[in-house]
PDB file of all heavy atoms in Angstrom:
ATOM      1  N   THR A   1     -63.808-363.304 141.686  1.00  0.00           N
ATOM      2  CA  THR A   1     -65.027-362.725 142.046  1.00  0.00           C
ATOM      3  C   THR A   1     -65.801-363.688 143.072  1.00  0.00           C
ATOM      4  O   THR A   1     -66.331-363.242 144.100  1.00  0.00           O
ATOM      5  CB  THR A   1     -65.934-362.281 140.932  1.00  0.00           C
ATOM      6  OG1 THR A   1     -65.252-361.270 140.179  1.00  0.00           O
ATOM      7  CG2 THR A   1     -67.221-361.679 141.497  1.00  0.00           C
ATOM      8  N   THR A   2     -65.832-364.860 142.581  1.00  0.00           N
ATOM      9  CA  THR A   2     -66.580-365.857 143.429  1.00  0.00           C
ATOM     10  C   THR A   2     -65.888-366.042 144.741  1.00  0.00           C
ATOM     11  O   THR A   2     -66.651-366.071 145.705  1.00  0.00           O
ATOM     12  CB  THR A   2     -66.588-367.316 142.680  1.00  0.00           C
ATOM     13  OG1 THR A   2     -67.173-367.165 141.327  1.00  0.00           O
ATOM     14  CG2 THR A   2     -67.400-368.281 143.473  1.00  0.00           C
ATOM     15  N   LEU A   3     -64.684-366.114 144.842  1.00  0.00           N
ATOM     16  CA  LEU A   3     -63.964-366.330 145.973  1.00  0.00           C
ATOM     17  C   LEU A   3     -64.092-364.940 146.886  1.00  0.00           C
ATOM     18  O   LEU A   3     -64.253-365.245 148.215  1.00  0.00           O
ATOM     19  CB  LEU A   3     -62.353-366.556 145.740  1.00  0.00           C
ATOM     20  CG  LEU A   3     -61.590-366.792 147.137  1.00  0.00           C
ATOM     21  CD1 LEU A   3     -62.029-367.985 147.763  1.00  0.00           C
ATOM     22  CD2 LEU A   3     -60.091-367.014 146.524  1.00  0.00           C
ATOM     23  N   HIS A   4     -63.909-363.883 146.307  1.00  0.00           N
ATOM     24  CA  HIS A   4     -64.086-362.595 147.055  1.00  0.00           C
ATOM     25  C   HIS A   4     -65.506-362.551 147.565  1.00  0.00           C
ATOM     26  O   HIS A   4     -65.746-362.068 148.735  1.00  0.00           O
ATOM     27  CB  HIS A   4     -63.780-361.404 145.984  1.00  0.00           C
ATOM     28  CG  HIS A   4     -63.832-360.163 146.735  1.00  0.00           C
ATOM     29  ND1 HIS A   4     -63.188-359.657 147.726  1.00  0.00           N
ATOM     30  CD2 HIS A   4     -64.749-359.154 146.413  1.00  0.00           C
ATOM     31  CE1 HIS A   4     -63.428-358.327 148.044  1.00  0.00           C
ATOM     32  NE2 HIS A   4     -64.414-358.061 147.306  1.00  0.00           N
ATOM     33  N   LEU A   5     -66.448-362.881 146.801  1.00  0.00           N
ATOM     34  CA  LEU A   5     -67.891-362.684 147.240  1.00  0.00           C
ATOM     35  C   LEU A   5     -68.226-363.651 148.356  1.00  0.00           C
ATOM     36  O   LEU A   5     -68.800-363.240 149.308  1.00  0.00           O
ATOM     37  CB  LEU A   5     -68.706-363.060 145.969  1.00  0.00           C
ATOM     38  CG  LEU A   5     -70.272-362.557 146.025  1.00  0.00           C
ATOM     39  CD1 LEU A   5     -70.304-361.142 146.020  1.00  0.00           C
ATOM     40  CD2 LEU A   5     -70.966-363.076 144.848  1.00  0.00           C
ATOM     41  N   THR A   6     -67.716-364.904 148.328  1.00  0.00           N
ATOM     42  CA  THR A   6     -68.056-365.827 149.305  1.00  0.00           C
ATOM     43  C   THR A   6     -67.192-365.846 150.469  1.00  0.00           C
ATOM     44  O   THR A   6     -67.635-366.284 151.647  1.00  0.00           O
ATOM     45  CB  THR A   6     -67.972-367.271 148.619  1.00  0.00           C
ATOM     46  OG1 THR A   6     -66.726-367.579 148.111  1.00  0.00           O
ATOM     47  CG2 THR A   6     -68.934-367.562 147.465  1.00  0.00           C
ATOM     48  N   THR A   7     -66.042-365.265 150.342  1.00  0.00           N
ATOM     49  CA  THR A   7     -65.159-365.118 151.537  1.00  0.00           C
ATOM     50  C   THR A   7     -65.277-363.944 152.301  1.00  0.00           C
ATOM     51  O   THR A   7     -65.401-363.719 153.499  1.00  0.00           O
ATOM     52  CB  THR A   7     -63.700-365.281 151.036  1.00  0.00           C
ATOM     53  OG1 THR A   7     -63.430-366.622 150.486  1.00  0.00           O
ATOM     54  CG2 THR A   7     -62.813-365.183 152.302  1.00  0.00           C
ATOM     55  N   ASP A   8     -65.345-362.673 151.522  1.00  0.00           N
ATOM     56  CA  ASP A   8     -65.163-361.389 152.206  1.00  0.00           C
ATOM     57  C   ASP A   8     -66.420-360.571 152.278  1.00  0.00           C
ATOM     58  O   ASP A   8     -66.680-359.631 152.915  1.00  0.00           O
ATOM     59  CB  ASP A   8     -64.206-360.502 151.478  1.00  0.00           C
ATOM     60  CG  ASP A   8     -62.843-361.066 151.566  1.00  0.00           C
ATOM     61  OD1 ASP A   8     -62.433-361.478 152.717  1.00  0.00           O
ATOM     62  OD2 ASP A   8     -62.134-361.287 150.587  1.00  0.00           O
ATOM     63  N   ILE A   9     -67.519-361.161 151.551  1.00  0.00           N
ATOM     64  CA  ILE A   9     -68.749-360.317 151.448  1.00  0.00           C
ATOM     65  C   ILE A   9     -70.052-361.128 151.981  1.00  0.00           C
ATOM     66  O   ILE A   9     -70.536-360.777 152.919  1.00  0.00           O
ATOM     67  CB  ILE A   9     -69.014-359.754 150.039  1.00  0.00           C
ATOM     68  CG1 ILE A   9     -67.872-358.824 149.542  1.00  0.00           C
ATOM     69  CG2 ILE A   9     -70.312-358.904 149.906  1.00  0.00           C
ATOM     70  CD1 ILE A   9     -68.068-358.281 148.153  1.00  0.00           C
ATOM     71  N   VAL A  10     -70.342-362.167 151.372  1.00  0.00           N
ATOM     72  CA  VAL A  10     -71.478-362.929 151.722  1.00  0.00           C
ATOM     73  C   VAL A  10     -71.288-364.418 151.491  1.00  0.00           C
ATOM     74  O   VAL A  10     -71.271-364.867 150.210  1.00  0.00           O
ATOM     75  CB  VAL A  10     -72.829-362.435 151.086  1.00  0.00           C
ATOM     76  CG1 VAL A  10     -72.752-362.277 149.556  1.00  0.00           C
ATOM     77  CG2 VAL A  10     -73.960-363.255 151.369  1.00  0.00           C
ATOM     78  N   ALA A  11     -71.007-365.227 152.580  1.00  0.00           N
ATOM     79  CA  ALA A  11     -70.765-366.544 152.290  1.00  0.00           C
ATOM     80  C   ALA A  11     -72.018-367.364 152.384  1.00  0.00           C
ATOM     81  O   ALA A  11     -72.446-368.186 153.185  1.00  0.00           O
ATOM     82  CB  ALA A  11     -69.925-367.124 153.501  1.00  0.00           C
ATOM     83  N   MET A  12     -72.852-367.319 151.180  1.00  0.00           N
ATOM     84  CA  MET A  12     -74.100-367.896 151.027  1.00  0.00           C
ATOM     85  C   MET A  12     -74.023-369.133 150.100  1.00  0.00           C
ATOM     86  O   MET A  12     -73.456-368.961 149.152  1.00  0.00           O
ATOM     87  CB  MET A  12     -75.090-366.836 150.596  1.00  0.00           C
ATOM     88  CG  MET A  12     -76.539-367.255 150.496  1.00  0.00           C
ATOM     89  SD  MET A  12     -77.533-365.995 149.931  1.00  0.00           S
ATOM     90  CE  MET A  12     -79.139-366.911 149.930  1.00  0.00           C
ATOM     91  N   PRO A  13     -74.653-370.229 150.526  1.00  0.00           N
ATOM     92  CA  PRO A  13     -74.728-371.333 149.671  1.00  0.00           C
ATOM     93  C   PRO A  13     -75.336-370.983 148.275  1.00  0.00           C
ATOM     94  O   PRO A  13     -76.162-370.216 148.161  1.00  0.00           O
ATOM     95  CB  PRO A  13     -75.650-372.445 150.373  1.00  0.00           C
ATOM     96  CG  PRO A  13     -75.516-371.867 151.885  1.00  0.00           C
ATOM     97  CD  PRO A  13     -75.415-370.449 151.798  1.00  0.00           C
ATOM     98  N   LEU A  14     -74.842-371.730 147.290  1.00  0.00           N
ATOM     99  CA  LEU A  14     -75.295-371.564 145.817  1.00  0.00           C
ATOM    100  C   LEU A  14     -74.875-370.116 145.299  1.00  0.00           C
ATOM    101  O   LEU A  14     -75.317-369.928 144.163  1.00  0.00           O
ATOM    102  CB  LEU A  14     -76.718-371.834 145.767  1.00  0.00           C
ATOM    103  CG  LEU A  14     -77.167-373.178 146.125  1.00  0.00           C
ATOM    104  CD1 LEU A  14     -78.787-373.348 145.869  1.00  0.00           C
ATOM    105  CD2 LEU A  14     -76.589-374.258 145.183  1.00  0.00           C
ATOM    106  N   ILE A  15     -74.339-369.196 146.012  1.00  0.00           N
ATOM    107  CA  ILE A  15     -74.007-367.890 145.490  1.00  0.00           C
ATOM    108  C   ILE A  15     -73.027-367.982 144.310  1.00  0.00           C
ATOM    109  O   ILE A  15     -73.009-367.130 143.446  1.00  0.00           O
ATOM    110  CB  ILE A  15     -73.449-366.989 146.601  1.00  0.00           C
ATOM    111  CG1 ILE A  15     -73.434-365.504 146.165  1.00  0.00           C
ATOM    112  CG2 ILE A  15     -72.079-367.435 146.983  1.00  0.00           C
ATOM    113  CD1 ILE A  15     -74.893-364.983 146.036  1.00  0.00           C
ATOM    114  N   TRP A  16     -72.203-369.057 144.162  1.00  0.00           N
ATOM    115  CA  TRP A  16     -71.252-369.266 143.104  1.00  0.00           C
ATOM    116  C   TRP A  16     -71.946-369.347 141.764  1.00  0.00           C
ATOM    117  O   TRP A  16     -71.430-369.071 140.784  1.00  0.00           O
ATOM    118  CB  TRP A  16     -70.553-370.500 143.319  1.00  0.00           C
ATOM    119  CG  TRP A  16     -71.180-371.771 143.414  1.00  0.00           C
ATOM    120  CD1 TRP A  16     -71.739-372.362 144.549  1.00  0.00           C
ATOM    121  CD2 TRP A  16     -71.673-372.625 142.281  1.00  0.00           C
ATOM    122  NE1 TRP A  16     -72.578-373.355 144.214  1.00  0.00           N
ATOM    123  CE2 TRP A  16     -72.444-373.737 142.863  1.00  0.00           C
ATOM    124  CE3 TRP A  16     -71.617-372.578 140.917  1.00  0.00           C
ATOM    125  CZ2 TRP A  16     -73.077-374.730 142.186  1.00  0.00           C
ATOM    126  CZ3 TRP A  16     -72.095-373.574 140.161  1.00  0.00           C
ATOM    127  CH2 TRP A  16     -72.839-374.634 140.705  1.00  0.00           C
ATOM    128  N   VAL A  17     -73.302-369.599 141.770  1.00  0.00           N
ATOM    129  CA  VAL A  17     -74.081-369.747 140.590  1.00  0.00           C
ATOM    130  C   VAL A  17     -74.150-368.387 139.842  1.00  0.00           C
ATOM    131  O   VAL A  17     -74.177-368.299 138.595  1.00  0.00           O
ATOM    132  CB  VAL A  17     -75.491-370.434 140.784  1.00  0.00           C
ATOM    133  CG1 VAL A  17     -76.266-370.357 139.503  1.00  0.00           C
ATOM    134  CG2 VAL A  17     -75.289-371.875 141.211  1.00  0.00           C
ATOM    135  N   VAL A  18     -74.320-367.366 140.756  1.00  0.00           N
ATOM    136  CA  VAL A  18     -74.559-366.042 140.112  1.00  0.00           C
ATOM    137  C   VAL A  18     -73.317-365.492 139.297  1.00  0.00           C
ATOM    138  O   VAL A  18     -73.562-365.124 138.080  1.00  0.00           O
ATOM    139  CB  VAL A  18     -74.900-365.052 141.237  1.00  0.00           C
ATOM    140  CG1 VAL A  18     -75.209-363.669 140.629  1.00  0.00           C
ATOM    141  CG2 VAL A  18     -76.146-365.470 142.025  1.00  0.00           C
ATOM    142  N   PRO A  19     -72.138-365.497 139.885  1.00  0.00           N
ATOM    143  CA  PRO A  19     -70.980-364.983 138.981  1.00  0.00           C
ATOM    144  C   PRO A  19     -70.721-365.746 137.812  1.00  0.00           C
ATOM    145  O   PRO A  19     -70.513-365.273 136.728  1.00  0.00           O
ATOM    146  CB  PRO A  19     -69.747-364.878 139.898  1.00  0.00           C
ATOM    147  CG  PRO A  19     -70.153-365.812 141.048  1.00  0.00           C
ATOM    148  CD  PRO A  19     -71.786-365.683 141.267  1.00  0.00           C
ATOM    149  N   LEU A  20     -70.892-367.173 137.952  1.00  0.00           N
ATOM    150  CA  LEU A  20     -70.683-368.037 136.700  1.00  0.00           C
ATOM    151  C   LEU A  20     -71.688-367.807 135.700  1.00  0.00           C
ATOM    152  O   LEU A  20     -71.450-367.760 134.489  1.00  0.00           O
ATOM    153  CB  LEU A  20     -70.703-369.516 137.139  1.00  0.00           C
ATOM    154  CG  LEU A  20     -70.394-370.564 136.125  1.00  0.00           C
ATOM    155  CD1 LEU A  20     -69.177-370.138 135.259  1.00  0.00           C
ATOM    156  CD2 LEU A  20     -70.305-371.928 136.687  1.00  0.00           C
ATOM    157  N   GLY A  21     -72.904-367.586 136.075  1.00  0.00           N
ATOM    158  CA  GLY A  21     -73.975-367.333 135.177  1.00  0.00           C
ATOM    159  C   GLY A  21     -73.809-365.954 134.470  1.00  0.00           C
ATOM    160  O   GLY A  21     -74.082-365.854 133.313  1.00  0.00           O
ATOM    161  N   LEU A  22     -73.483-364.968 135.200  1.00  0.00           N
ATOM    162  CA  LEU A  22     -73.164-363.659 134.539  1.00  0.00           C
ATOM    163  C   LEU A  22     -71.936-363.712 133.535  1.00  0.00           C
ATOM    164  O   LEU A  22     -72.082-363.167 132.478  1.00  0.00           O
ATOM    165  CB  LEU A  22     -72.880-362.553 135.605  1.00  0.00           C
ATOM    166  CG  LEU A  22     -73.992-362.280 136.603  1.00  0.00           C
ATOM    167  CD1 LEU A  22     -73.461-361.341 137.601  1.00  0.00           C
ATOM    168  CD2 LEU A  22     -75.152-361.574 135.740  1.00  0.00           C
ATOM    169  N   TYR A  23     -70.978-364.567 133.925  1.00  0.00           N
ATOM    170  CA  TYR A  23     -69.957-364.807 132.904  1.00  0.00           C
ATOM    171  C   TYR A  23     -70.405-365.346 131.715  1.00  0.00           C
ATOM    172  O   TYR A  23     -69.965-364.903 130.467  1.00  0.00           O
ATOM    173  CB  TYR A  23     -68.867-365.714 133.630  1.00  0.00           C
ATOM    174  CG  TYR A  23     -67.778-366.177 132.764  1.00  0.00           C
ATOM    175  CD1 TYR A  23     -66.656-365.232 132.389  1.00  0.00           C
ATOM    176  CD2 TYR A  23     -67.763-367.450 132.202  1.00  0.00           C
ATOM    177  CE1 TYR A  23     -65.693-365.719 131.479  1.00  0.00           C
ATOM    178  CE2 TYR A  23     -66.716-367.835 131.359  1.00  0.00           C
ATOM    179  CZ  TYR A  23     -65.626-366.973 131.065  1.00  0.00           C
ATOM    180  OH  TYR A  23     -64.560-367.341 130.163  1.00  0.00           O
ATOM    181  N   LEU A  24     -71.209-366.350 131.672  1.00  0.00           N
ATOM    182  CA  LEU A  24     -71.754-367.103 130.555  1.00  0.00           C
ATOM    183  C   LEU A  24     -72.687-366.081 129.682  1.00  0.00           C
ATOM    184  O   LEU A  24     -72.663-366.225 128.462  1.00  0.00           O
ATOM    185  CB  LEU A  24     -72.593-368.274 130.899  1.00  0.00           C
ATOM    186  CG  LEU A  24     -71.694-369.364 131.514  1.00  0.00           C
ATOM    187  CD1 LEU A  24     -72.601-370.587 132.050  1.00  0.00           C
ATOM    188  CD2 LEU A  24     -70.723-370.028 130.624  1.00  0.00           C
ATOM    189  N   LEU A  25     -73.526-365.404 130.428  1.00  0.00           N
ATOM    190  CA  LEU A  25     -74.450-364.404 129.760  1.00  0.00           C
ATOM    191  C   LEU A  25     -73.589-363.226 129.067  1.00  0.00           C
ATOM    192  O   LEU A  25     -74.159-362.670 128.107  1.00  0.00           O
ATOM    193  CB  LEU A  25     -75.370-363.827 130.729  1.00  0.00           C
ATOM    194  CG  LEU A  25     -76.405-364.741 131.219  1.00  0.00           C
ATOM    195  CD1 LEU A  25     -77.349-364.149 132.201  1.00  0.00           C
ATOM    196  CD2 LEU A  25     -77.278-365.267 130.069  1.00  0.00           C
ATOM    197  N   SER A  26     -72.442-363.040 129.597  1.00  0.00           N
ATOM    198  CA  SER A  26     -71.636-361.956 128.973  1.00  0.00           C
ATOM    199  C   SER A  26     -71.410-362.322 127.491  1.00  0.00           C
ATOM    200  O   SER A  26     -71.142-361.510 126.590  1.00  0.00           O
ATOM    201  CB  SER A  26     -70.269-361.756 129.715  1.00  0.00           C
ATOM    202  OG  SER A  26     -69.431-362.689 129.588  1.00  0.00           O
ATOM    203  N   PHE A  27     -71.084-363.650 127.271  1.00  0.00           N
ATOM    204  CA  PHE A  27     -70.790-364.073 125.791  1.00  0.00           C
ATOM    205  C   PHE A  27     -72.111-363.748 125.009  1.00  0.00           C
ATOM    206  O   PHE A  27     -71.918-363.488 123.838  1.00  0.00           O
ATOM    207  CB  PHE A  27     -70.438-365.444 125.794  1.00  0.00           C
ATOM    208  CG  PHE A  27     -69.068-365.801 126.242  1.00  0.00           C
ATOM    209  CD1 PHE A  27     -68.698-366.366 127.448  1.00  0.00           C
ATOM    210  CD2 PHE A  27     -67.900-365.521 125.345  1.00  0.00           C
ATOM    211  CE1 PHE A  27     -67.518-366.701 127.853  1.00  0.00           C
ATOM    212  CE2 PHE A  27     -66.743-365.784 125.827  1.00  0.00           C
ATOM    213  CZ  PHE A  27     -66.472-366.441 127.046  1.00  0.00           C
ATOM    214  N   VAL A  28     -73.312-364.005 125.512  1.00  0.00           N
ATOM    215  CA  VAL A  28     -74.493-363.854 124.909  1.00  0.00           C
ATOM    216  C   VAL A  28     -74.597-362.350 124.422  1.00  0.00           C
ATOM    217  O   VAL A  28     -74.944-362.200 123.144  1.00  0.00           O
ATOM    218  CB  VAL A  28     -75.683-364.206 125.580  1.00  0.00           C
ATOM    219  CG1 VAL A  28     -76.971-364.023 124.790  1.00  0.00           C
ATOM    220  CG2 VAL A  28     -75.578-365.717 125.997  1.00  0.00           C
ATOM    221  N   ALA A  29     -74.298-361.558 125.234  1.00  0.00           N
ATOM    222  CA  ALA A  29     -74.341-360.081 124.846  1.00  0.00           C
ATOM    223  C   ALA A  29     -73.199-359.601 123.978  1.00  0.00           C
ATOM    224  O   ALA A  29     -73.338-358.935 122.977  1.00  0.00           O
ATOM    225  CB  ALA A  29     -74.435-359.120 126.195  1.00  0.00           C
ATOM    226  N   ALA A  30     -72.048-360.155 124.082  1.00  0.00           N
ATOM    227  CA  ALA A  30     -70.815-359.722 123.381  1.00  0.00           C
ATOM    228  C   ALA A  30     -70.812-360.308 122.050  1.00  0.00           C
ATOM    229  O   ALA A  30     -70.400-359.651 121.125  1.00  0.00           O
ATOM    230  CB  ALA A  30     -69.572-360.108 124.124  1.00  0.00           C
ATOM    231  N   PHE A  31     -71.424-361.568 121.744  1.00  0.00           N
ATOM    232  CA  PHE A  31     -71.435-362.213 120.385  1.00  0.00           C
ATOM    233  C   PHE A  31     -72.715-362.046 119.657  1.00  0.00           C
ATOM    234  O   PHE A  31     -72.997-362.578 118.714  1.00  0.00           O
ATOM    235  CB  PHE A  31     -71.075-363.573 120.578  1.00  0.00           C
ATOM    236  CG  PHE A  31     -69.598-363.854 120.705  1.00  0.00           C
ATOM    237  CD1 PHE A  31     -68.886-363.489 121.858  1.00  0.00           C
ATOM    238  CD2 PHE A  31     -68.886-364.574 119.750  1.00  0.00           C
ATOM    239  CE1 PHE A  31     -67.540-363.613 122.015  1.00  0.00           C
ATOM    240  CE2 PHE A  31     -67.551-364.759 119.787  1.00  0.00           C
ATOM    241  CZ  PHE A  31     -66.819-364.285 120.995  1.00  0.00           C
ATOM    242  N   ALA A  32     -73.596-361.068 120.216  1.00  0.00           N
ATOM    243  CA  ALA A  32     -74.853-360.890 119.436  1.00  0.00           C
ATOM    244  C   ALA A  32     -74.561-359.998 118.255  1.00  0.00           C
ATOM    245  O   ALA A  32     -73.786-359.102 118.257  1.00  0.00           O
ATOM    246  CB  ALA A  32     -75.817-360.128 120.497  1.00  0.00           C
ATOM    247  N   PRO A  33     -75.327-360.302 117.115  1.00  0.00           N
ATOM    248  CA  PRO A  33     -75.132-359.496 115.978  1.00  0.00           C
ATOM    249  C   PRO A  33     -75.496-358.012 116.181  1.00  0.00           C
ATOM    250  O   PRO A  33     -74.806-357.064 115.632  1.00  0.00           O
ATOM    251  CB  PRO A  33     -76.050-360.112 114.982  1.00  0.00           C
ATOM    252  CG  PRO A  33     -76.285-361.557 115.561  1.00  0.00           C
ATOM    253  CD  PRO A  33     -76.175-361.473 116.978  1.00  0.00           C
ATOM    254  N   ASP A  34     -76.497-357.726 117.017  1.00  0.00           N
ATOM    255  CA  ASP A  34     -76.856-356.350 117.328  1.00  0.00           C
ATOM    256  C   ASP A  34     -75.866-355.787 118.330  1.00  0.00           C
ATOM    257  O   ASP A  34     -75.906-356.349 119.552  1.00  0.00           O
ATOM    258  CB  ASP A  34     -78.214-356.413 117.803  1.00  0.00           C
ATOM    259  CG  ASP A  34     -78.788-354.822 117.959  1.00  0.00           C
ATOM    260  OD1 ASP A  34     -77.996-353.869 118.138  1.00  0.00           O
ATOM    261  OD2 ASP A  34     -79.947-354.637 117.879  1.00  0.00           O
ATOM    262  N   ARG A  35     -74.959-354.849 118.015  1.00  0.00           N
ATOM    263  CA  ARG A  35     -74.032-354.414 118.958  1.00  0.00           C
ATOM    264  C   ARG A  35     -74.339-353.231 119.857  1.00  0.00           C
ATOM    265  O   ARG A  35     -73.655-352.795 120.648  1.00  0.00           O
ATOM    266  CB  ARG A  35     -72.852-353.829 118.038  1.00  0.00           C
ATOM    267  CG  ARG A  35     -72.411-354.722 116.956  1.00  0.00           C
ATOM    268  CD  ARG A  35     -71.964-356.166 117.413  1.00  0.00           C
ATOM    269  NE  ARG A  35     -70.788-356.009 118.397  1.00  0.00           N
ATOM    270  CZ  ARG A  35     -70.606-356.849 119.468  1.00  0.00           C
ATOM    271  NH1 ARG A  35     -71.534-357.849 119.630  1.00  0.00           N
ATOM    272  NH2 ARG A  35     -69.553-356.770 120.256  1.00  0.00           N
ATOM    273  N   ARG A  36     -75.662-352.874 119.807  1.00  0.00           N
ATOM    274  CA  ARG A  36     -76.146-351.773 120.773  1.00  0.00           C
ATOM    275  C   ARG A  36     -75.979-352.170 122.236  1.00  0.00           C
ATOM    276  O   ARG A  36     -75.437-351.273 123.000  1.00  0.00           O
ATOM    277  CB  ARG A  36     -77.386-351.421 120.349  1.00  0.00           C
ATOM    278  CG  ARG A  36     -77.568-350.650 119.123  1.00  0.00           C
ATOM    279  CD  ARG A  36     -79.081-350.394 118.687  1.00  0.00           C
ATOM    280  NE  ARG A  36     -79.764-351.558 118.436  1.00  0.00           N
ATOM    281  CZ  ARG A  36     -81.109-351.476 118.070  1.00  0.00           C
ATOM    282  NH1 ARG A  36     -81.729-350.447 117.967  1.00  0.00           N
ATOM    283  NH2 ARG A  36     -81.751-352.655 117.906  1.00  0.00           N
ATOM    284  N   ALA A  37     -76.375-353.349 122.603  1.00  0.00           N
ATOM    285  CA  ALA A  37     -76.221-353.568 124.025  1.00  0.00           C
ATOM    286  C   ALA A  37     -74.867-353.766 124.536  1.00  0.00           C
ATOM    287  O   ALA A  37     -74.493-353.180 125.573  1.00  0.00           O
ATOM    288  CB  ALA A  37     -77.068-355.044 124.231  1.00  0.00           C
ATOM    289  N   ALA A  38     -73.978-354.357 123.664  1.00  0.00           N
ATOM    290  CA  ALA A  38     -72.601-354.356 124.057  1.00  0.00           C
ATOM    291  C   ALA A  38     -71.864-352.993 124.244  1.00  0.00           C
ATOM    292  O   ALA A  38     -71.093-352.743 125.151  1.00  0.00           O
ATOM    293  CB  ALA A  38     -71.858-355.303 123.004  1.00  0.00           C
ATOM    294  N   ALA A  39     -72.235-352.128 123.252  1.00  0.00           N
ATOM    295  CA  ALA A  39     -71.670-350.772 123.231  1.00  0.00           C
ATOM    296  C   ALA A  39     -72.147-349.998 124.569  1.00  0.00           C
ATOM    297  O   ALA A  39     -71.475-349.341 125.107  1.00  0.00           O
ATOM    298  CB  ALA A  39     -72.130-350.003 122.052  1.00  0.00           C
ATOM    299  N   LEU A  40     -73.427-350.225 124.906  1.00  0.00           N
ATOM    300  CA  LEU A  40     -74.001-349.483 126.031  1.00  0.00           C
ATOM    301  C   LEU A  40     -73.293-349.915 127.309  1.00  0.00           C
ATOM    302  O   LEU A  40     -72.965-349.266 128.221  1.00  0.00           O
ATOM    303  CB  LEU A  40     -75.496-349.692 126.191  1.00  0.00           C
ATOM    304  CG  LEU A  40     -76.160-349.181 127.552  1.00  0.00           C
ATOM    305  CD1 LEU A  40     -76.020-347.588 127.647  1.00  0.00           C
ATOM    306  CD2 LEU A  40     -77.625-349.563 127.525  1.00  0.00           C
ATOM    307  N   ILE A  41     -73.106-351.365 127.402  1.00  0.00           N
ATOM    308  CA  ILE A  41     -72.486-351.859 128.462  1.00  0.00           C
ATOM    309  C   ILE A  41     -70.969-351.477 128.618  1.00  0.00           C
ATOM    310  O   ILE A  41     -70.375-351.273 129.672  1.00  0.00           O
ATOM    311  CB  ILE A  41     -72.558-353.453 128.578  1.00  0.00           C
ATOM    312  CG1 ILE A  41     -74.087-353.893 128.673  1.00  0.00           C
ATOM    313  CG2 ILE A  41     -71.644-354.083 129.572  1.00  0.00           C
ATOM    314  CD1 ILE A  41     -74.226-355.309 128.455  1.00  0.00           C
TER     315      ILE A  41
END
């Protein structure tokens, strides 16, 4: 996603932070005891 984003869509500095941040936050939602957010997603 980072390569596709920075190569074919928008080659913007620091844009790599966004996909990596979303990847890390996905664990927060997925491993939360309350499963409602993960189910909705």
